Amino acid sequence: MFELYQSENNQKFYFNLKAKNGQIIMSSQGYADKSGAKNGIESCKKNSTDDSKFERKTAKNGKFHFNLKAGNGQIIGSSQMYASEAGMENGIESVKKNAGNAEVKDLTE
């Protein structure tokens, strides 16, 4: 499920993609308005099935994470940190499997 929410100071809109267990799989950047965040969710749904859109990274502390990128190369969402590369790959597979048909829960209404 995607959750669309607004920052505490109401300056930006964000979304999280959550697994069925409620764990956050991926988080967005901040958007100036709600329509931008909704477009980000649609871009996430569209690009989540293409493995080439996932940028796999290793942090300086040795943990693993990924970014999902749009066709123009802009980052749509970023994952949490994973202790293992296998954990990161499982996160990517979860996005591929769940993002395309995930419902959107708008917490701003």
PDB file of N, CA and C in Angstrom:
ATOM      1  N   MET A   1       0.830  -1.167   0.000  1.00  0.00           N
ATOM      2  CA  MET A   1       0.000   0.000   0.000  1.00  0.00           C
ATOM      3  C   MET A   1       0.885   1.245   0.000  1.00  0.00           C
ATOM      4  N   PHE A   2       0.460   2.241  -0.777  1.00  0.00           N
ATOM      5  CA  PHE A   2       1.106   3.559  -0.723  1.00  0.00           C
ATOM      6  C   PHE A   2       0.368   4.401   0.300  1.00  0.00           C
ATOM      7  N   GLU A   3       1.116   5.078   1.145  1.00  0.00           N
ATOM      8  CA  GLU A   3       0.526   6.050   2.052  1.00  0.00           C
ATOM      9  C   GLU A   3       1.035   7.424   1.659  1.00  0.00           C
ATOM     10  N   LEU A   4       0.114   8.311   1.361  1.00  0.00           N
ATOM     11  CA  LEU A   4       0.423   9.692   0.997  1.00  0.00           C
ATOM     12  C   LEU A   4       0.215  10.548   2.236  1.00  0.00           C
ATOM     13  N   TYR A   5       1.224  11.326   2.600  1.00  0.00           N
ATOM     14  CA  TYR A   5       1.108  12.146   3.809  1.00  0.00           C
ATOM     15  C   TYR A   5       1.820  13.475   3.629  1.00  0.00           C
ATOM     16  N   GLN A   6       1.561  14.367   4.569  1.00  0.00           N
ATOM     17  CA  GLN A   6       2.151  15.699   4.540  1.00  0.00           C
ATOM     18  C   GLN A   6       3.086  15.845   5.741  1.00  0.00           C
ATOM     19  N   SER A   7       4.166  16.607   5.561  1.00  0.00           N
ATOM     20  CA  SER A   7       5.117  16.817   6.652  1.00  0.00           C
ATOM     21  C   SER A   7       4.436  17.536   7.818  1.00  0.00           C
ATOM     22  N   GLU A   8       5.070  17.448   8.987  1.00  0.00           N
ATOM     23  CA  GLU A   8       4.476  18.046  10.187  1.00  0.00           C
ATOM     24  C   GLU A   8       4.230  19.542  10.031  1.00  0.00           C
ATOM     25  N   ASN A   9       5.106  20.228   9.304  1.00  0.00           N
ATOM     26  CA  ASN A   9       4.926  21.673   9.120  1.00  0.00           C
ATOM     27  C   ASN A   9       4.108  22.007   7.872  1.00  0.00           C
ATOM     28  N   ASN A  10       3.515  20.957   7.247  1.00  0.00           N
ATOM     29  CA  ASN A  10       2.649  21.105   6.071  1.00  0.00           C
ATOM     30  C   ASN A  10       3.348  21.757   4.875  1.00  0.00           C
ATOM     31  N   GLN A  11       4.659  21.653   4.817  1.00  0.00           N
ATOM     32  CA  GLN A  11       5.411  22.248   3.720  1.00  0.00           C
ATOM     33  C   GLN A  11       5.526  21.325   2.505  1.00  0.00           C
ATOM     34  N   LYS A  12       5.630  20.013   2.746  1.00  0.00           N
ATOM     35  CA  LYS A  12       5.884  19.064   1.658  1.00  0.00           C
ATOM     36  C   LYS A  12       4.957  17.858   1.766  1.00  0.00           C
ATOM     37  N   PHE A  13       4.790  17.175   0.626  1.00  0.00           N
ATOM     38  CA  PHE A  13       4.031  15.932   0.559  1.00  0.00           C
ATOM     39  C   PHE A  13       5.000  14.794   0.265  1.00  0.00           C
ATOM     40  N   TYR A  14       4.733  13.629   0.854  1.00  0.00           N
ATOM     41  CA  TYR A  14       5.584  12.455   0.709  1.00  0.00           C
ATOM     42  C   TYR A  14       4.706  11.228   0.538  1.00  0.00           C
ATOM     43  N   PHE A  15       5.339  10.117   0.112  1.00  0.00           N
ATOM     44  CA  PHE A  15       4.646   8.837   0.166  1.00  0.00           C
ATOM     45  C   PHE A  15       5.613   7.752   0.598  1.00  0.00           C
ATOM     46  N   ASN A  16       5.039   6.735   1.228  1.00  0.00           N
ATOM     47  CA  ASN A  16       5.764   5.516   1.567  1.00  0.00           C
ATOM     48  C   ASN A  16       5.069   4.359   0.880  1.00  0.00           C
ATOM     49  N   LEU A  17       5.852   3.392   0.429  1.00  0.00           N
ATOM     50  CA  LEU A  17       5.307   2.117  -0.017  1.00  0.00           C
ATOM     51  C   LEU A  17       5.512   1.153   1.135  1.00  0.00           C
ATOM     52  N   LYS A  18       4.408   0.581   1.615  1.00  0.00           N
ATOM     53  CA  LYS A  18       4.474  -0.315   2.766  1.00  0.00           C
ATOM     54  C   LYS A  18       4.137  -1.742   2.366  1.00  0.00           C
ATOM     55  N   ALA A  19       4.811  -2.685   3.018  1.00  0.00           N
ATOM     56  CA  ALA A  19       4.517  -4.104   2.838  1.00  0.00           C
ATOM     57  C   ALA A  19       3.236  -4.442   3.600  1.00  0.00           C
ATOM     58  N   LYS A  20       2.720  -5.635   3.373  1.00  0.00           N
ATOM     59  CA  LYS A  20       1.496  -6.060   4.053  1.00  0.00           C
ATOM     60  C   LYS A  20       1.655  -6.049   5.573  1.00  0.00           C
ATOM     61  N   ASN A  21       2.875  -6.261   6.056  1.00  0.00           N
ATOM     62  CA  ASN A  21       3.120  -6.270   7.506  1.00  0.00           C
ATOM     63  C   ASN A  21       3.293  -4.858   8.077  1.00  0.00           C
ATOM     64  N   GLY A  22       3.154  -3.827   7.225  1.00  0.00           N
ATOM     65  CA  GLY A  22       3.254  -2.451   7.680  1.00  0.00           C
ATOM     66  C   GLY A  22       4.649  -1.855   7.611  1.00  0.00           C
ATOM     67  N   GLN A  23       5.631  -2.677   7.273  1.00  0.00           N
ATOM     68  CA  GLN A  23       7.006  -2.188   7.181  1.00  0.00           C
ATOM     69  C   GLN A  23       7.168  -1.309   5.937  1.00  0.00           C
ATOM     70  N   ILE A  24       7.889  -0.191   6.094  1.00  0.00           N
ATOM     71  CA  ILE A  24       8.144   0.697   4.963  1.00  0.00           C
ATOM     72  C   ILE A  24       9.222   0.077   4.071  1.00  0.00           C
ATOM     73  N   ILE A  25       8.881  -0.121   2.808  1.00  0.00           N
ATOM     74  CA  ILE A  25       9.822  -0.681   1.837  1.00  0.00           C
ATOM     75  C   ILE A  25      10.599   0.440   1.150  1.00  0.00           C
ATOM     76  N   MET A  26       9.888   1.531   0.849  1.00  0.00           N
ATOM     77  CA  MET A  26      10.491   2.615   0.088  1.00  0.00           C
ATOM     78  C   MET A  26       9.797   3.926   0.438  1.00  0.00           C
ATOM     79  N   SER A  27      10.578   5.014   0.466  1.00  0.00           N
ATOM     80  CA  SER A  27      10.049   6.350   0.774  1.00  0.00           C
ATOM     81  C   SER A  27      10.394   7.312  -0.352  1.00  0.00           C
ATOM     82  N   SER A  28       9.542   8.307  -0.522  1.00  0.00           N
ATOM     83  CA  SER A  28       9.752   9.286  -1.591  1.00  0.00           C
ATOM     84  C   SER A  28      10.537  10.487  -1.102  1.00  0.00           C
ATOM     85  N   GLN A  29      10.891  11.316  -2.054  1.00  0.00           N
ATOM     86  CA  GLN A  29      11.411  12.650  -1.777  1.00  0.00           C
ATOM     87  C   GLN A  29      10.231  13.527  -1.385  1.00  0.00           C
ATOM     88  N   GLY A  30      10.490  14.767  -1.005  1.00  0.00           N
ATOM     89  CA  GLY A  30       9.415  15.704  -0.705  1.00  0.00           C
ATOM     90  C   GLY A  30       8.911  16.376  -1.973  1.00  0.00           C
ATOM     91  N   TYR A  31       7.608  16.538  -2.062  1.00  0.00           N
ATOM     92  CA  TYR A  31       6.979  17.204  -3.192  1.00  0.00           C
ATOM     93  C   TYR A  31       6.308  18.487  -2.702  1.00  0.00           C
ATOM     94  N   ALA A  32       6.330  19.527  -3.523  1.00  0.00           N
ATOM     95  CA  ALA A  32       5.759  20.825  -3.149  1.00  0.00           C
ATOM     96  C   ALA A  32       4.240  20.776  -3.030  1.00  0.00           C
ATOM     97  N   ASP A  33       3.599  19.890  -3.796  1.00  0.00           N
ATOM     98  CA  ASP A  33       2.144  19.804  -3.730  1.00  0.00           C
ATOM     99  C   ASP A  33       1.684  18.357  -3.839  1.00  0.00           C
ATOM    100  N   LYS A  34       0.431  18.135  -3.506  1.00  0.00           N
ATOM    101  CA  LYS A  34      -0.128  16.789  -3.484  1.00  0.00           C
ATOM    102  C   LYS A  34      -0.122  16.156  -4.867  1.00  0.00           C
ATOM    103  N   SER A  35      -0.395  16.942  -5.905  1.00  0.00           N
ATOM    104  CA  SER A  35      -0.434  16.375  -7.257  1.00  0.00           C
ATOM    105  C   SER A  35       0.944  15.841  -7.655  1.00  0.00           C
ATOM    106  N   GLY A  36       2.005  16.502  -7.226  1.00  0.00           N
ATOM    107  CA  GLY A  36       3.352  16.009  -7.501  1.00  0.00           C
ATOM    108  C   GLY A  36       3.607  14.665  -6.836  1.00  0.00           C
ATOM    109  N   ALA A  37       3.159  14.527  -5.596  1.00  0.00           N
ATOM    110  CA  ALA A  37       3.318  13.253  -4.879  1.00  0.00           C
ATOM    111  C   ALA A  37       2.493  12.155  -5.545  1.00  0.00           C
ATOM    112  N   LYS A  38       1.280  12.494  -5.987  1.00  0.00           N
ATOM    113  CA  LYS A  38       0.446  11.502  -6.683  1.00  0.00           C
ATOM    114  C   LYS A  38       1.097  11.075  -8.000  1.00  0.00           C
ATOM    115  N   ASN A  39       1.690  12.015  -8.711  1.00  0.00           N
ATOM    116  CA  ASN A  39       2.422  11.674  -9.939  1.00  0.00           C
ATOM    117  C   ASN A  39       3.607  10.770  -9.621  1.00  0.00           C
ATOM    118  N   GLY A  40       4.267  11.018  -8.489  1.00  0.00           N
ATOM    119  CA  GLY A  40       5.372  10.168  -8.055  1.00  0.00           C
ATOM    120  C   GLY A  40       4.920   8.741  -7.805  1.00  0.00           C
ATOM    121  N   ILE A  41       3.754   8.588  -7.186  1.00  0.00           N
ATOM    122  CA  ILE A  41       3.205   7.245  -6.951  1.00  0.00           C
ATOM    123  C   ILE A  41       2.927   6.552  -8.279  1.00  0.00           C
ATOM    124  N   GLU A  42       2.321   7.272  -9.223  1.00  0.00           N
ATOM    125  CA  GLU A  42       2.033   6.682 -10.537  1.00  0.00           C
ATOM    126  C   GLU A  42       3.322   6.291 -11.255  1.00  0.00           C
ATOM    127  N   SER A  43       4.354   7.120 -11.143  1.00  0.00           N
ATOM    128  CA  SER A  43       5.643   6.805 -11.749  1.00  0.00           C
ATOM    129  C   SER A  43       6.257   5.574 -11.097  1.00  0.00           C
ATOM    130  N   CYS A  44       6.084   5.458  -9.793  1.00  0.00           N
ATOM    131  CA  CYS A  44       6.575   4.292  -9.061  1.00  0.00           C
ATOM    132  C   CYS A  44       5.884   3.026  -9.561  1.00  0.00           C
ATOM    133  N   LYS A  45       4.566   3.099  -9.697  1.00  0.00           N
ATOM    134  CA  LYS A  45       3.810   1.944 -10.195  1.00  0.00           C
ATOM    135  C   LYS A  45       4.288   1.546 -11.589  1.00  0.00           C
ATOM    136  N   LYS A  46       4.489   2.539 -12.439  1.00  0.00           N
ATOM    137  CA  LYS A  46       4.872   2.302 -13.831  1.00  0.00           C
ATOM    138  C   LYS A  46       6.284   1.719 -13.950  1.00  0.00           C
ATOM    139  N   ASN A  47       7.221   2.223 -13.165  1.00  0.00           N
ATOM    140  CA  ASN A  47       8.629   1.836 -13.307  1.00  0.00           C
ATOM    141  C   ASN A  47       9.045   0.659 -12.438  1.00  0.00           C
ATOM    142  N   SER A  48       8.182   0.241 -11.510  1.00  0.00           N
ATOM    143  CA  SER A  48       8.573  -0.778 -10.534  1.00  0.00           C
ATOM    144  C   SER A  48       8.770  -2.172 -11.121  1.00  0.00           C
ATOM    145  N   THR A  49       8.271  -2.419 -12.304  1.00  0.00           N
ATOM    146  CA  THR A  49       8.422  -3.756 -12.896  1.00  0.00           C
ATOM    147  C   THR A  49       9.695  -3.893 -13.726  1.00  0.00           C
ATOM    148  N   ASP A  50      10.410  -2.796 -13.929  1.00  0.00           N
ATOM    149  CA  ASP A  50      11.608  -2.785 -14.775  1.00  0.00           C
ATOM    150  C   ASP A  50      12.869  -2.836 -13.897  1.00  0.00           C
ATOM    151  N   ASP A  51      13.542  -3.969 -13.893  1.00  0.00           N
ATOM    152  CA  ASP A  51      14.714  -4.145 -13.027  1.00  0.00           C
ATOM    153  C   ASP A  51      15.800  -3.103 -13.297  1.00  0.00           C
ATOM    154  N   SER A  52      15.881  -2.628 -14.541  1.00  0.00           N
ATOM    155  CA  SER A  52      16.928  -1.657 -14.872  1.00  0.00           C
ATOM    156  C   SER A  52      16.698  -0.299 -14.210  1.00  0.00           C
ATOM    157  N   LYS A  53      15.486  -0.077 -13.674  1.00  0.00           N
ATOM    158  CA  LYS A  53      15.180   1.193 -13.008  1.00  0.00           C
ATOM    159  C   LYS A  53      15.605   1.196 -11.540  1.00  0.00           C
ATOM    160  N   PHE A  54      16.080   0.047 -11.046  1.00  0.00           N
ATOM    161  CA  PHE A  54      16.537  -0.044  -9.665  1.00  0.00           C
ATOM    162  C   PHE A  54      18.048   0.173  -9.603  1.00  0.00           C
ATOM    163  N   GLU A  55      18.441   1.157  -8.832  1.00  0.00           N
ATOM    164  CA  GLU A  55      19.850   1.465  -8.626  1.00  0.00           C
ATOM    165  C   GLU A  55      20.255   0.852  -7.281  1.00  0.00           C
ATOM    166  N   ARG A  56      21.113  -0.158  -7.350  1.00  0.00           N
ATOM    167  CA  ARG A  56      21.570  -0.841  -6.142  1.00  0.00           C
ATOM    168  C   ARG A  56      22.823  -0.150  -5.626  1.00  0.00           C
ATOM    169  N   LYS A  57      22.849   0.112  -4.307  1.00  0.00           N
ATOM    170  CA  LYS A  57      23.954   0.885  -3.738  1.00  0.00           C
ATOM    171  C   LYS A  57      24.458   0.240  -2.447  1.00  0.00           C
ATOM    172  N   THR A  58      25.716   0.531  -2.142  1.00  0.00           N
ATOM    173  CA  THR A  58      26.309   0.130  -0.873  1.00  0.00           C
ATOM    174  C   THR A  58      26.772   1.384  -0.152  1.00  0.00           C
ATOM    175  N   ALA A  59      26.323   1.550   1.080  1.00  0.00           N
ATOM    176  CA  ALA A  59      26.692   2.726   1.872  1.00  0.00           C
ATOM    177  C   ALA A  59      28.107   2.563   2.431  1.00  0.00           C
ATOM    178  N   LYS A  60      28.672   3.654   2.906  1.00  0.00           N
ATOM    179  CA  LYS A  60      30.020   3.627   3.478  1.00  0.00           C
ATOM    180  C   LYS A  60      30.120   2.685   4.673  1.00  0.00           C
ATOM    181  N   ASN A  61      29.001   2.495   5.380  1.00  0.00           N
ATOM    182  CA  ASN A  61      29.010   1.606   6.543  1.00  0.00           C
ATOM    183  C   ASN A  61      28.817   0.136   6.162  1.00  0.00           C
ATOM    184  N   GLY A  62      28.780  -0.152   4.842  1.00  0.00           N
ATOM    185  CA  GLY A  62      28.671  -1.530   4.372  1.00  0.00           C
ATOM    186  C   GLY A  62      27.244  -2.032   4.232  1.00  0.00           C
ATOM    187  N   LYS A  63      26.263  -1.209   4.560  1.00  0.00           N
ATOM    188  CA  LYS A  63      24.864  -1.622   4.402  1.00  0.00           C
ATOM    189  C   LYS A  63      24.416  -1.362   2.966  1.00  0.00           C
ATOM    190  N   PHE A  64      23.344  -2.019   2.597  1.00  0.00           N
ATOM    191  CA  PHE A  64      22.847  -1.984   1.222  1.00  0.00           C
ATOM    192  C   PHE A  64      21.517  -1.238   1.152  1.00  0.00           C
ATOM    193  N   HIS A  65      21.291  -0.555   0.037  1.00  0.00           N
ATOM    194  CA  HIS A  65      20.020   0.132  -0.190  1.00  0.00           C
ATOM    195  C   HIS A  65      19.826   0.306  -1.684  1.00  0.00           C
ATOM    196  N   PHE A  66      18.622   0.740  -2.069  1.00  0.00           N
ATOM    197  CA  PHE A  66      18.346   0.936  -3.490  1.00  0.00           C
ATOM    198  C   PHE A  66      17.508   2.181  -3.702  1.00  0.00           C
ATOM    199  N   ASN A  67      17.570   2.686  -4.922  1.00  0.00           N
ATOM    200  CA  ASN A  67      16.710   3.764  -5.392  1.00  0.00           C
ATOM    201  C   ASN A  67      15.929   3.239  -6.589  1.00  0.00           C
ATOM    202  N   LEU A  68      14.699   3.676  -6.712  1.00  0.00           N
ATOM    203  CA  LEU A  68      13.911   3.420  -7.914  1.00  0.00           C
ATOM    204  C   LEU A  68      13.913   4.705  -8.714  1.00  0.00           C
ATOM    205  N   LYS A  69      14.295   4.599  -9.986  1.00  0.00           N
ATOM    206  CA  LYS A  69      14.406   5.784 -10.836  1.00  0.00           C
ATOM    207  C   LYS A  69      13.347   5.784 -11.934  1.00  0.00           C
ATOM    208  N   ALA A  70      12.957   6.982 -12.321  1.00  0.00           N
ATOM    209  CA  ALA A  70      12.029   7.164 -13.434  1.00  0.00           C
ATOM    210  C   ALA A  70      12.798   7.074 -14.747  1.00  0.00           C
ATOM    211  N   GLY A  71      12.077   7.102 -15.838  1.00  0.00           N
ATOM    212  CA  GLY A  71      12.694   7.046 -17.157  1.00  0.00           C
ATOM    213  C   GLY A  71      13.689   8.166 -17.400  1.00  0.00           C
ATOM    214  N   ASN A  72      13.473   9.321 -16.748  1.00  0.00           N
ATOM    215  CA  ASN A  72      14.384  10.455 -16.929  1.00  0.00           C
ATOM    216  C   ASN A  72      15.583  10.404 -15.973  1.00  0.00           C
ATOM    217  N   GLY A  73      15.666   9.329 -15.185  1.00  0.00           N
ATOM    218  CA  GLY A  73      16.796   9.161 -14.268  1.00  0.00           C
ATOM    219  C   GLY A  73      16.584   9.766 -12.893  1.00  0.00           C
ATOM    220  N   GLN A  74      15.464  10.452 -12.690  1.00  0.00           N
ATOM    221  CA  GLN A  74      15.187  11.064 -11.388  1.00  0.00           C
ATOM    222  C   GLN A  74      14.779   9.984 -10.387  1.00  0.00           C
ATOM    223  N   ILE A  75      15.243  10.122  -9.144  1.00  0.00           N
ATOM    224  CA  ILE A  75      14.900   9.156  -8.101  1.00  0.00           C
ATOM    225  C   ILE A  75      13.446   9.366  -7.672  1.00  0.00           C
ATOM    226  N   ILE A  76      12.670   8.280  -7.725  1.00  0.00           N
ATOM    227  CA  ILE A  76      11.276   8.306  -7.305  1.00  0.00           C
ATOM    228  C   ILE A  76      11.174   7.945  -5.827  1.00  0.00           C
ATOM    229  N   GLY A  77      11.918   6.926  -5.437  1.00  0.00           N
ATOM    230  CA  GLY A  77      11.863   6.458  -4.055  1.00  0.00           C
ATOM    231  C   GLY A  77      13.158   5.803  -3.649  1.00  0.00           C
ATOM    232  N   SER A  78      13.401   5.779  -2.340  1.00  0.00           N
ATOM    233  CA  SER A  78      14.611   5.186  -1.775  1.00  0.00           C
ATOM    234  C   SER A  78      14.228   4.211  -0.676  1.00  0.00           C
ATOM    235  N   SER A  79      15.005   3.147  -0.579  1.00  0.00           N
ATOM    236  CA  SER A  79      14.720   2.113   0.417  1.00  0.00           C
ATOM    237  C   SER A  79      15.357   2.444   1.757  1.00  0.00           C
ATOM    238  N   GLN A  80      15.024   1.624   2.712  1.00  0.00           N
ATOM    239  CA  GLN A  80      15.708   1.615   3.996  1.00  0.00           C
ATOM    240  C   GLN A  80      17.083   0.984   3.791  1.00  0.00           C
ATOM    241  N   MET A  81      17.893   0.936   4.838  1.00  0.00           N
ATOM    242  CA  MET A  81      19.185   0.256   4.783  1.00  0.00           C
ATOM    243  C   MET A  81      18.985  -1.222   5.137  1.00  0.00           C
ATOM    244  N   TYR A  82      19.682  -2.073   4.424  1.00  0.00           N
ATOM    245  CA  TYR A  82      19.628  -3.510   4.666  1.00  0.00           C
ATOM    246  C   TYR A  82      21.003  -4.000   5.103  1.00  0.00           C
ATOM    247  N   ALA A  83      21.022  -4.961   6.024  1.00  0.00           N
ATOM    248  CA  ALA A  83      22.287  -5.506   6.521  1.00  0.00           C
ATOM    249  C   ALA A  83      22.977  -6.367   5.467  1.00  0.00           C
ATOM    250  N   SER A  84      22.192  -6.962   4.573  1.00  0.00           N
ATOM    251  CA  SER A  84      22.779  -7.857   3.567  1.00  0.00           C
ATOM    252  C   SER A  84      22.295  -7.496   2.171  1.00  0.00           C
ATOM    253  N   GLU A  85      23.077  -7.906   1.193  1.00  0.00           N
ATOM    254  CA  GLU A  85      22.694  -7.702  -0.198  1.00  0.00           C
ATOM    255  C   GLU A  85      21.426  -8.492  -0.515  1.00  0.00           C
ATOM    256  N   ALA A  86      21.310  -9.693   0.067  1.00  0.00           N
ATOM    257  CA  ALA A  86      20.119 -10.517  -0.149  1.00  0.00           C
ATOM    258  C   ALA A  86      18.872  -9.827   0.389  1.00  0.00           C
ATOM    259  N   GLY A  87      18.989  -9.157   1.525  1.00  0.00           N
ATOM    260  CA  GLY A  87      17.864  -8.409   2.075  1.00  0.00           C
ATOM    261  C   GLY A  87      17.426  -7.295   1.143  1.00  0.00           C
ATOM    262  N   MET A  88      18.408  -6.595   0.572  1.00  0.00           N
ATOM    263  CA  MET A  88      18.108  -5.527  -0.385  1.00  0.00           C
ATOM    264  C   MET A  88      17.395  -6.109  -1.612  1.00  0.00           C
ATOM    265  N   GLU A  89      17.879  -7.224  -2.132  1.00  0.00           N
ATOM    266  CA  GLU A  89      17.248  -7.848  -3.303  1.00  0.00           C
ATOM    267  C   GLU A  89      15.821  -8.276  -2.987  1.00  0.00           C
ATOM    268  N   ASN A  90      15.578  -8.751  -1.765  1.00  0.00           N
ATOM    269  CA  ASN A  90      14.214  -9.102  -1.358  1.00  0.00           C
ATOM    270  C   ASN A  90      13.334  -7.864  -1.342  1.00  0.00           C
ATOM    271  N   GLY A  91      13.886  -6.732  -0.897  1.00  0.00           N
ATOM    272  CA  GLY A  91      13.144  -5.475  -0.907  1.00  0.00           C
ATOM    273  C   GLY A  91      12.771  -5.056  -2.314  1.00  0.00           C
ATOM    274  N   ILE A  92      13.710  -5.188  -3.230  1.00  0.00           N
ATOM    275  CA  ILE A  92      13.451  -4.855  -4.640  1.00  0.00           C
ATOM    276  C   ILE A  92      12.356  -5.762  -5.203  1.00  0.00           C
ATOM    277  N   GLU A  93      12.446  -7.054  -4.907  1.00  0.00           N
ATOM    278  CA  GLU A  93      11.424  -7.991  -5.392  1.00  0.00           C
ATOM    279  C   GLU A  93      10.048  -7.649  -4.830  1.00  0.00           C
ATOM    280  N   SER A  94      10.014  -7.201  -3.590  1.00  0.00           N
ATOM    281  CA  SER A  94       8.747  -6.806  -2.978  1.00  0.00           C
ATOM    282  C   SER A  94       8.151  -5.594  -3.687  1.00  0.00           C
ATOM    283  N   VAL A  95       9.003  -4.618  -4.041  1.00  0.00           N
ATOM    284  CA  VAL A  95       8.518  -3.455  -4.792  1.00  0.00           C
ATOM    285  C   VAL A  95       7.985  -3.898  -6.148  1.00  0.00           C
ATOM    286  N   LYS A  96       8.743  -4.753  -6.850  1.00  0.00           N
ATOM    287  CA  LYS A  96       8.321  -5.230  -8.169  1.00  0.00           C
ATOM    288  C   LYS A  96       6.959  -5.932  -8.097  1.00  0.00           C
ATOM    289  N   LYS A  97       6.775  -6.731  -7.046  1.00  0.00           N
ATOM    290  CA  LYS A  97       5.571  -7.537  -6.915  1.00  0.00           C
ATOM    291  C   LYS A  97       4.371  -6.718  -6.454  1.00  0.00           C
ATOM    292  N   ASN A  98       4.591  -5.748  -5.585  1.00  0.00           N
ATOM    293  CA  ASN A  98       3.470  -5.093  -4.911  1.00  0.00           C
ATOM    294  C   ASN A  98       3.130  -3.684  -5.387  1.00  0.00           C
ATOM    295  N   ALA A  99       4.085  -2.943  -5.913  1.00  0.00           N
ATOM    296  CA  ALA A  99       3.840  -1.524  -6.209  1.00  0.00           C
ATOM    297  C   ALA A  99       2.823  -1.319  -7.330  1.00  0.00           C
ATOM    298  N   GLY A 100       2.873  -2.146  -8.356  1.00  0.00           N
ATOM    299  CA  GLY A 100       2.049  -1.931  -9.545  1.00  0.00           C
ATOM    300  C   GLY A 100       0.564  -1.856  -9.279  1.00  0.00           C
ATOM    301  N   ASN A 101       0.073  -2.666  -8.354  1.00  0.00           N
ATOM    302  CA  ASN A 101      -1.379  -2.668  -8.090  1.00  0.00           C
ATOM    303  C   ASN A 101      -1.698  -2.279  -6.656  1.00  0.00           C
ATOM    304  N   ALA A 102      -0.772  -1.615  -5.985  1.00  0.00           N
ATOM    305  CA  ALA A 102      -0.982  -1.202  -4.594  1.00  0.00           C
ATOM    306  C   ALA A 102      -2.020  -0.088  -4.510  1.00  0.00           C
ATOM    307  N   GLU A 103      -2.852  -0.162  -3.493  1.00  0.00           N
ATOM    308  CA  GLU A 103      -3.828   0.911  -3.270  1.00  0.00           C
ATOM    309  C   GLU A 103      -3.109   2.113  -2.680  1.00  0.00           C
ATOM    310  N   VAL A 104      -3.745   3.277  -2.795  1.00  0.00           N
ATOM    311  CA  VAL A 104      -3.194   4.511  -2.244  1.00  0.00           C
ATOM    312  C   VAL A 104      -4.082   4.972  -1.107  1.00  0.00           C
ATOM    313  N   LYS A 105      -3.497   5.110   0.064  1.00  0.00           N
ATOM    314  CA  LYS A 105      -4.209   5.615   1.223  1.00  0.00           C
ATOM    315  C   LYS A 105      -3.761   7.055   1.440  1.00  0.00           C
ATOM    316  N   ASP A 106      -4.687   7.994   1.284  1.00  0.00           N
ATOM    317  CA  ASP A 106      -4.370   9.416   1.403  1.00  0.00           C
ATOM    318  C   ASP A 106      -4.609   9.854   2.847  1.00  0.00           C
ATOM    319  N   LEU A 107      -3.519  10.093   3.575  1.00  0.00           N
ATOM    320  CA  LEU A 107      -3.616  10.494   4.976  1.00  0.00           C
ATOM    321  C   LEU A 107      -3.768  12.002   5.148  1.00  0.00           C
ATOM    322  N   THR A 108      -3.844  12.725   4.032  1.00  0.00           N
ATOM    323  CA  THR A 108      -3.947  14.189   4.107  1.00  0.00           C
ATOM    324  C   THR A 108      -5.413  14.641   4.124  1.00  0.00           C
ATOM    325  N   GLU A 109      -6.335  13.718   3.907  1.00  0.00           N
ATOM    326  CA  GLU A 109      -7.744  14.102   3.824  1.00  0.00           C
ATOM    327  C   GLU A 109      -8.436  13.983   5.163  1.00  0.00           C
TER     328      GLU A 109
END
